[in-house]
C-alpha cells in the first residue's frame, strides 16, 4: 500500500512511479483490448424537444416512449410529476446546477434529468412561476449504431488493485458521435492540466435512488450535457450509482484509464482532461458525481465506499492532501480562491461560482468524514 506520509510529503519518486505505472497500464490495457476487441452496437438516443412550457403545464402525450425527461429552468428550483398507467405520482423537486465550460458564458439555467420510464404524461412547474423547457428522451430503444468494444481496465486504487464494478464509456454505451460536429470536428477537444482539487456532486433528482437502469441514466445525462447544453461531452469525470458502480465520464483518450491523458506533466504527475462541472472553476478540478439527490438522505453504503476509493486514488495520483485547504488558481482564466482540496460543489460559490445545493443538504456535512476516510487509506 502507498505510504500516506510519502504521498502527502509529495515525494517525486513515489508519485512518478505511480503515475508512470498508470500511464503504462492504460496504454497496455488499451492495446490488449484493441487486439481482441469485437465492435458492438449501442442504442442511439432519441430526443423530442417540447420547448418552453408555462408553469403547471400538463403534457398528456409525450412525442416518444419516455425513458428520461430533461427539464431546464431559470429559477432557483422546479418540480415535475409523472403520470403512469397507475395514475399521477408525487411531485419531485429538482436540484439542478448552473454549469458550463471554462471560457464560455453560462446559460443561466439549471438542468435536471428525470428518470421517466413508463411515463405516459407529465406536469412541470417552476417554483417562482417562470417557464420551464423539456426535452423528452429515450436512451434505450433508438436505432443501433456500431461502436468499438469497451476497454476493461480502470483507475488503480491506492492498494494497487483496480476499481470494482467499473464501466468505461464503451460499457455504458456512450454514443461517441455526440462529441463531434456535422463536419467531423470534435466539439470539445481535450485540454490536459495538472490536478489541484477534487469536487463532489450529486445529480440532483431523487428518483435516481432505486433507478432500474443507471447506465441508461448516464446516457441521458451525457445527451443533456453534450447536446442540449452544448458542451460537447458529459461534464463530470466520473459518476457513481447507488450500487457503487463507477462510470467513466468526460472522454480523456483511447486508453483504459479515465480522467487522465497519456502524458505526464513537468512534475511527473498525470494530467487531467478539463471538464464542465463547476462553471468557471473546472481547470485543474476533477468532478465526481453521485447519482441521486441527497437533500434529506444519504448515499448508500456502496456508493459512499466507491466515492472514498475514487477520491483516494485521485489524491494519490495528484499528490494531494485530502484533508487540507489549498489556493486554487484556474490556469486558463487566472481566477483564484481558497477551497478544500476535496470540496462539495456548493463550496465554490464562496470564490465566485454560481450558488447551488449540490451535493445535498443532508450529505454535505458528511464531507469532513469522507476526507478523513480518504486520508486513512494511506496510513
Protein backbone atom coordinates (compact mmCIF):
# COMPACT_ATOMS: atom_id res chain seq x y z
CA UNK A 1 0.00 0.00 0.00
CA UNK A 2 1.21 3.53 -0.75
CA UNK A 3 2.61 5.33 2.26
CA UNK A 4 0.34 8.20 3.27
CA UNK A 5 3.38 10.08 4.52
CA UNK A 6 5.10 9.74 1.17
CA UNK A 7 2.04 10.88 -0.73
CA UNK A 8 1.35 13.89 1.48
CA UNK A 9 5.04 14.83 1.50
CA UNK A 10 4.89 15.00 -2.28
CA UNK A 11 7.71 12.52 -2.88
CA UNK A 12 8.68 12.94 -6.53
CA UNK A 13 9.98 9.40 -6.83
CA UNK A 14 6.87 7.82 -5.31
CA UNK A 15 4.41 9.88 -7.33
CA UNK A 16 6.41 9.49 -10.53
CA UNK A 17 6.46 5.72 -10.12
CA UNK A 18 2.72 5.67 -9.53
CA UNK A 19 1.96 7.96 -12.45
CA UNK A 20 4.28 6.18 -14.85
CA UNK A 21 2.68 2.88 -13.90
CA UNK A 22 -0.78 4.31 -14.50
CA UNK A 23 0.11 5.60 -17.95
CA UNK A 24 1.82 2.33 -18.88
CA UNK A 25 -1.09 0.28 -17.55
CA UNK A 26 -3.55 2.36 -19.52
CA UNK A 27 -1.63 2.04 -22.75
CA UNK A 28 -1.10 -1.69 -22.25
CA UNK A 29 -4.74 -2.32 -21.46
CA UNK A 30 -5.82 -0.32 -24.49
CA UNK A 31 -3.50 -2.31 -26.76
CA UNK A 32 -4.66 -5.63 -25.32
CA UNK A 33 -8.29 -4.68 -25.75
CA UNK A 34 -7.71 -3.40 -29.28
CA UNK A 35 -6.09 -6.69 -30.27
CA UNK A 36 -9.07 -8.76 -29.17
CA UNK A 37 -11.86 -6.21 -29.46
CA UNK A 38 -15.11 -7.00 -31.21
CA UNK A 39 -17.23 -4.00 -32.20
CA UNK A 40 -20.63 -3.81 -30.55
CA UNK A 41 -23.88 -1.96 -31.08
CA UNK A 42 -25.38 0.70 -28.83
CA UNK A 43 -28.77 2.48 -28.97
CA UNK A 44 -28.92 5.97 -30.44
CA UNK A 45 -30.58 8.40 -28.02
CA UNK A 46 -33.94 9.64 -29.27
CA UNK A 47 -34.96 13.18 -28.34
CA UNK A 48 -38.10 15.27 -28.84
CA UNK A 49 -37.89 18.93 -27.85
CA UNK A 50 -41.13 20.05 -26.24
CA UNK A 51 -39.80 23.59 -25.86
CA UNK A 52 -40.81 26.19 -23.30
CA UNK A 53 -43.83 25.44 -21.16
CA UNK A 54 -45.71 27.66 -18.75
CA UNK A 55 -45.57 26.53 -15.14
CA UNK A 56 -48.15 23.82 -14.32
CA UNK A 57 -48.42 22.73 -17.95
CA UNK A 58 -49.69 19.15 -18.27
CA UNK A 59 -48.30 17.09 -21.17
CA UNK A 60 -50.67 14.20 -21.85
CA UNK A 61 -48.99 12.64 -24.89
CA UNK A 62 -45.17 12.53 -24.99
CA UNK A 63 -43.77 12.54 -28.51
CA UNK A 64 -41.88 9.28 -27.93
CA UNK A 65 -41.81 6.44 -25.36
CA UNK A 66 -40.01 8.01 -22.43
CA UNK A 67 -37.06 6.68 -20.51
CA UNK A 68 -35.98 10.13 -19.23
CA UNK A 69 -37.03 13.75 -19.23
CA UNK A 70 -34.63 16.71 -19.39
CA UNK A 71 -36.06 19.71 -17.54
CA UNK A 72 -34.39 23.13 -17.79
CA UNK A 73 -35.45 26.16 -15.74
CA UNK A 74 -34.12 29.61 -14.90
CA UNK A 75 -35.36 29.93 -11.31
CA UNK A 76 -33.88 28.53 -8.12
CA UNK A 77 -36.00 25.37 -8.21
CA UNK A 78 -38.60 23.46 -10.18
CA UNK A 79 -40.57 20.26 -9.83
CA UNK A 80 -42.06 17.55 -12.01
CA UNK A 81 -44.58 14.79 -11.52
CA UNK A 82 -45.11 11.83 -13.82
CA UNK A 83 -48.28 10.07 -14.89
CA UNK A 84 -48.16 6.31 -15.47
CA UNK A 85 -50.87 3.75 -16.14
CA UNK A 86 -51.41 3.69 -12.37
CA UNK A 87 -52.09 7.44 -12.21
CA UNK A 88 -50.19 10.54 -11.15
CA UNK A 89 -47.11 10.21 -8.98
CA UNK A 90 -45.84 12.65 -6.36
CA UNK A 91 -44.14 15.92 -7.17
CA UNK A 92 -40.37 15.56 -7.38
CA UNK A 93 -38.27 18.60 -6.63
CA UNK A 94 -35.35 19.16 -8.98
CA UNK A 95 -31.91 20.22 -7.81
CA UNK A 96 -30.04 21.11 -10.97
CA UNK A 97 -26.93 23.28 -11.14
CA UNK A 98 -25.73 26.05 -13.42
CA UNK A 99 -22.65 24.57 -15.09
CA UNK A 100 -20.57 25.06 -18.18
CA UNK A 101 -17.15 25.01 -19.75
CA UNK A 102 -14.43 27.42 -18.67
CA UNK A 103 -14.23 30.39 -21.00
CA UNK A 104 -17.82 30.01 -22.21
CA UNK A 105 -20.69 32.10 -20.83
CA UNK A 106 -23.06 30.10 -18.65
CA UNK A 107 -26.59 29.73 -19.93
CA UNK A 108 -28.10 30.91 -16.65
CA UNK A 109 -30.47 27.96 -16.46
CA UNK A 110 -30.40 24.79 -14.42
CA UNK A 111 -30.98 21.38 -15.95
CA UNK A 112 -32.09 18.11 -14.38
CA UNK A 113 -32.52 14.67 -15.93
CA UNK A 114 -35.54 12.80 -14.57
CA UNK A 115 -35.94 9.02 -14.80
CA UNK A 116 -39.31 8.63 -16.55
CA UNK A 117 -39.53 5.02 -17.77
CA UNK A 118 -43.18 4.06 -18.23
CA UNK A 119 -44.48 7.62 -18.01
CA UNK A 120 -47.39 8.45 -20.32
CA UNK A 121 -47.63 12.08 -19.26
CA UNK A 122 -46.04 14.67 -17.00
CA UNK A 123 -46.56 18.07 -15.42
CA UNK A 124 -43.87 20.64 -14.67
CA UNK A 125 -43.80 23.71 -12.50
CA UNK A 126 -41.26 26.38 -11.68
CA UNK A 127 -41.48 27.45 -8.06
CA UNK A 128 -41.25 31.15 -9.00
CA UNK A 129 -43.84 30.83 -11.75
CA UNK A 130 -41.33 31.20 -14.60
CA UNK A 131 -41.34 28.99 -17.68
CA UNK A 132 -39.51 25.72 -17.98
CA UNK A 133 -38.32 23.74 -21.00
CA UNK A 134 -38.45 19.99 -21.50
CA UNK A 135 -36.86 17.54 -23.89
CA UNK A 136 -38.29 14.01 -23.95
CA UNK A 137 -35.60 11.33 -24.15
CA UNK A 138 -35.36 7.62 -24.88
CA UNK A 139 -31.86 6.17 -24.38
CA UNK A 140 -32.86 2.51 -24.84
CA UNK A 141 -34.98 1.95 -27.95
CA UNK A 142 -33.28 4.03 -30.64
CA UNK A 143 -31.61 2.64 -33.78
CA UNK A 144 -28.46 0.68 -33.02
CA UNK A 145 -25.09 2.04 -34.07
CA UNK A 146 -21.76 0.18 -34.14
CA UNK A 147 -19.03 1.30 -31.77
CA UNK A 148 -15.67 -0.03 -30.63
CA UNK A 149 -15.58 -2.67 -27.92
CA UNK A 150 -15.15 -1.28 -24.38
CA UNK A 151 -11.86 -1.36 -22.54
CA UNK A 152 -11.88 -3.29 -19.28
CA UNK A 153 -9.34 -1.50 -17.11
CA UNK A 154 -9.92 1.38 -14.72
CA UNK A 155 -8.36 3.83 -12.33
CA UNK A 156 -5.98 1.92 -9.98
CA UNK A 157 -6.60 2.21 -6.28
CA UNK A 158 -4.02 3.18 -3.68
CA UNK A 159 -3.52 -0.51 -2.83
CA UNK A 160 -2.58 -1.32 -6.42
CA UNK A 161 -5.92 -3.05 -7.06
CA UNK A 162 -8.46 -1.92 -9.64
CA UNK A 163 -11.85 -0.33 -9.03
CA UNK A 164 -14.65 -2.88 -8.68
CA UNK A 165 -17.71 -2.51 -10.87
CA UNK A 166 -16.14 -0.05 -13.31
CA UNK A 167 -17.94 0.86 -16.52
CA UNK A 168 -15.93 2.53 -19.27
CA UNK A 169 -17.68 4.76 -21.81
CA UNK A 170 -17.97 1.78 -24.13
CA UNK A 171 -19.50 -0.34 -21.38
CA UNK A 172 -22.28 2.14 -20.56
CA UNK A 173 -22.89 2.55 -24.32
CA UNK A 174 -21.70 6.10 -24.84
CA UNK A 175 -22.52 7.27 -28.37
CA UNK A 176 -19.19 8.87 -29.26
CA UNK A 177 -20.72 10.58 -32.30
CA UNK A 178 -22.26 13.12 -29.91
CA UNK A 179 -18.80 14.56 -29.33
CA UNK A 180 -18.43 15.56 -32.99
CA UNK A 181 -19.95 18.27 -35.16
CA UNK A 182 -21.55 17.64 -38.55
CA UNK A 183 -18.24 18.43 -40.28
CA UNK A 184 -16.47 15.71 -38.28
CA UNK A 185 -14.58 18.06 -35.96
CA UNK A 186 -14.51 17.38 -32.23
CA UNK A 187 -16.80 19.85 -30.47
CA UNK A 188 -14.67 20.00 -27.33
CA UNK A 189 -11.05 18.82 -27.78
CA UNK A 190 -9.39 17.89 -24.51
CA UNK A 191 -7.05 20.20 -22.62
CA UNK A 192 -4.79 18.45 -20.12
CA UNK A 193 -3.98 20.22 -16.88
CA UNK A 194 -2.35 19.39 -13.50
CA UNK A 195 -4.84 18.45 -10.78
CA UNK A 196 -5.34 20.86 -7.87
CA UNK A 197 -8.69 19.91 -6.37
CA UNK A 198 -11.45 17.27 -6.35
CA UNK A 199 -15.16 18.18 -6.26
CA UNK A 200 -18.10 16.00 -5.17
CA UNK A 201 -21.52 16.44 -6.82
CA UNK A 202 -24.95 14.84 -6.78
CA UNK A 203 -27.05 14.62 -9.94
CA UNK A 204 -29.95 16.31 -8.18
CA UNK A 205 -33.04 14.12 -8.75
CA UNK A 206 -34.41 11.89 -6.01
CA UNK A 207 -35.64 9.05 -8.19
CA UNK A 208 -32.09 8.19 -9.25
CA UNK A 209 -32.17 6.30 -5.96
CA UNK A 210 -33.75 3.00 -6.99
CA UNK A 211 -33.02 3.64 -10.67
CA UNK A 212 -33.62 0.35 -12.54
CA UNK A 213 -31.14 1.23 -15.32
CA UNK A 214 -28.41 3.63 -14.14
CA UNK A 215 -26.39 3.19 -17.36
CA UNK A 216 -29.37 4.49 -19.32
CA UNK A 217 -29.48 7.45 -16.95
CA UNK A 218 -25.79 8.16 -17.52
CA UNK A 219 -26.55 8.16 -21.26
CA UNK A 220 -29.35 10.66 -20.65
CA UNK A 221 -27.07 12.94 -18.60
CA UNK A 222 -24.47 12.63 -21.37
CA UNK A 223 -27.01 13.68 -24.02
CA UNK A 224 -28.33 16.51 -21.87
CA UNK A 225 -24.90 17.99 -21.24
CA UNK A 226 -23.16 17.27 -24.53
CA UNK A 227 -26.04 18.15 -26.89
CA UNK A 228 -28.80 20.07 -25.10
CA UNK A 229 -26.40 22.24 -23.08
CA UNK A 230 -23.92 22.31 -25.94
CA UNK A 231 -20.79 21.31 -24.05
CA UNK A 232 -19.71 18.59 -26.47
CA UNK A 233 -19.36 15.90 -23.77
CA UNK A 234 -20.54 14.96 -20.31
CA UNK A 235 -19.37 17.45 -17.70
CA UNK A 236 -18.28 15.02 -14.95
CA UNK A 237 -15.08 12.97 -14.92
CA UNK A 238 -16.64 10.03 -13.04
CA UNK A 239 -20.14 9.08 -11.89
CA UNK A 240 -21.19 6.60 -9.17
CA UNK A 241 -24.55 4.84 -8.87
CA UNK A 242 -26.24 3.56 -5.72
CA UNK A 243 -24.74 0.08 -6.14
CA UNK A 244 -21.26 1.60 -6.09
CA UNK A 245 -20.61 1.15 -9.80
CA UNK A 246 -18.23 3.76 -11.21
CA UNK A 247 -18.84 5.18 -14.71
CA UNK A 248 -16.21 6.84 -16.87
CA UNK A 249 -17.33 10.37 -17.71
CA UNK A 250 -15.54 13.02 -19.78
CA UNK A 251 -13.55 11.49 -22.65
CA UNK A 252 -9.81 11.61 -21.89
CA UNK A 253 -8.36 9.41 -24.64
CA UNK A 254 -8.48 5.95 -26.13
CA UNK A 255 -6.53 4.27 -23.32
CA UNK A 256 -8.12 2.42 -20.42
CA UNK A 257 -7.54 4.98 -17.67
CA UNK A 258 -10.29 7.57 -17.07
CA UNK A 259 -9.77 11.23 -16.13
CA UNK A 260 -6.16 11.46 -17.34
CA UNK A 261 -4.37 11.80 -20.65
CA UNK A 262 -1.49 9.65 -21.82
CA UNK A 263 1.29 12.10 -20.89
CA UNK A 264 2.77 13.31 -17.61
CA UNK A 265 3.31 16.91 -16.53
CA UNK A 266 6.68 18.51 -15.84
CA UNK A 267 6.48 17.30 -12.22
CA UNK A 268 5.72 13.72 -13.39
CA UNK A 269 2.11 13.86 -12.27
CA UNK A 270 -0.61 12.73 -14.70
CA UNK A 271 -2.64 15.50 -16.32
CA UNK A 272 -6.45 15.58 -16.08
CA UNK A 273 -8.71 16.43 -19.01
CA UNK A 274 -10.64 19.64 -18.45
CA UNK A 275 -14.38 19.12 -17.88
CA UNK A 276 -17.51 21.20 -17.14
CA UNK A 277 -18.88 20.54 -13.67
CA UNK A 278 -18.22 23.90 -11.90
CA UNK A 279 -18.63 26.75 -14.36
CA UNK A 280 -15.51 28.94 -14.40
CA UNK A 281 -13.62 26.67 -11.99
CA UNK A 282 -13.07 23.46 -13.97
CA UNK A 283 -9.41 23.58 -14.99
CA UNK A 284 -7.39 21.52 -12.51
CA UNK A 285 -10.58 20.40 -10.75
CA UNK A 286 -11.76 16.76 -11.05
CA UNK A 287 -15.54 16.27 -10.75
CA UNK A 288 -17.09 13.10 -9.26
CA UNK A 289 -20.90 12.83 -9.32
CA UNK A 290 -23.11 10.60 -7.18
CA UNK A 291 -26.33 9.68 -8.99
CA UNK A 292 -29.22 10.79 -6.78
CA UNK A 293 -30.24 13.73 -4.65
CA UNK A 294 -29.15 13.91 -1.03
CA UNK A 295 -31.17 16.76 0.42
CA UNK A 296 -32.85 14.55 3.01
CA UNK A 297 -30.99 11.22 2.88
CA UNK A 298 -27.52 9.78 2.47
CA UNK A 299 -25.88 7.87 -0.39
CA UNK A 300 -25.93 4.10 0.01
CA UNK A 301 -23.02 2.45 1.79
CA UNK A 302 -21.82 1.04 -1.54
CA UNK A 303 -21.87 4.47 -3.21
CA UNK A 304 -20.13 6.05 -0.21
CA UNK A 305 -17.38 3.42 -0.27
CA UNK A 306 -16.78 3.81 -4.00
CA UNK A 307 -16.63 7.58 -3.59
CA UNK A 308 -13.93 7.21 -0.92
CA UNK A 309 -11.94 4.76 -3.07
CA UNK A 310 -12.13 7.03 -6.12
CA UNK A 311 -11.10 10.13 -4.16
CA UNK A 312 -8.23 8.18 -2.60
CA UNK A 313 -6.92 7.12 -6.00
CA UNK A 314 -7.20 10.65 -7.36
CA UNK A 315 -5.50 12.09 -4.27
CA UNK A 316 -2.61 9.65 -4.55
CA UNK A 317 -2.01 10.33 -8.22
CA UNK A 318 -2.21 14.09 -7.77
CA UNK A 319 -0.10 14.13 -4.59
CA UNK A 320 -2.98 15.90 -2.86
CA UNK A 321 -3.59 16.12 0.88
CA UNK A 322 -7.29 15.12 1.17
CA UNK A 323 -7.82 16.94 4.50
CA UNK A 324 -6.11 20.21 3.54
CA UNK A 325 -7.16 23.52 2.08
CA UNK A 326 -5.44 24.99 -0.94
CA UNK A 327 -5.34 28.15 -3.02
CA UNK A 328 -6.92 27.13 -6.30
CA UNK A 329 -5.83 29.05 -9.40
CA UNK A 330 -7.58 28.47 -12.72
CA UNK A 331 -4.66 28.33 -15.17
CA UNK A 332 -6.90 29.40 -18.06
CA UNK A 333 -8.60 32.45 -16.53
CA UNK A 334 -6.47 33.30 -13.50
CA UNK A 335 -9.42 33.33 -11.08
CA UNK A 336 -8.42 32.02 -7.67
CA UNK A 337 -9.56 31.42 -4.13
CA UNK A 338 -9.07 29.19 -1.11
CA UNK A 339 -11.06 25.94 -1.03
CA UNK A 340 -10.82 22.46 0.46
CA UNK A 341 -8.75 20.05 -1.63
CA UNK A 342 -11.85 17.83 -1.55
CA UNK A 343 -14.83 20.16 -1.88
CA UNK A 344 -18.54 19.93 -2.44
CA UNK A 345 -19.90 21.81 -5.44
CA UNK A 346 -21.52 24.42 -3.19
CA UNK A 347 -18.12 25.36 -1.70
CA UNK A 348 -17.09 27.01 -4.97
CA UNK A 349 -19.76 29.70 -4.53
CA UNK A 350 -17.52 31.28 -1.89
CA UNK A 351 -15.00 32.22 -4.59
CA UNK A 352 -17.40 33.18 -7.37
CA UNK A 353 -19.18 30.10 -8.76
CA UNK A 354 -22.96 30.04 -9.10
CA UNK A 355 -24.72 29.02 -5.84
CA UNK A 356 -26.10 25.51 -5.59
CA UNK A 357 -27.38 22.99 -3.04
CA UNK A 358 -25.13 20.29 -4.54
CA UNK A 359 -24.14 17.72 -3.24
CA UNK A 360 -27.21 17.90 -0.99
CA UNK A 361 -28.10 19.41 2.38
CA UNK A 362 -28.03 16.02 4.11
CA UNK A 363 -24.82 14.69 2.58
CA UNK A 364 -22.75 17.88 2.53
CA UNK A 365 -21.99 17.86 6.31
CA UNK A 366 -20.51 14.37 5.88
CA UNK A 367 -17.76 15.55 3.53
CA UNK A 368 -15.46 16.01 6.53
CA UNK A 369 -15.89 12.32 7.30
CA UNK A 370 -15.24 11.48 3.64
CA UNK A 371 -11.96 13.43 3.74
CA UNK A 372 -10.84 11.58 6.85
CA UNK A 373 -11.72 8.20 5.34
CA UNK A 374 -9.75 9.05 2.20
CA UNK A 375 -6.74 10.07 4.28
CA UNK A 376 -6.98 6.89 6.35
CA UNK A 377 -6.34 4.74 3.28
CA UNK A 378 -2.72 5.96 3.26
CA UNK A 379 -1.93 5.08 6.87
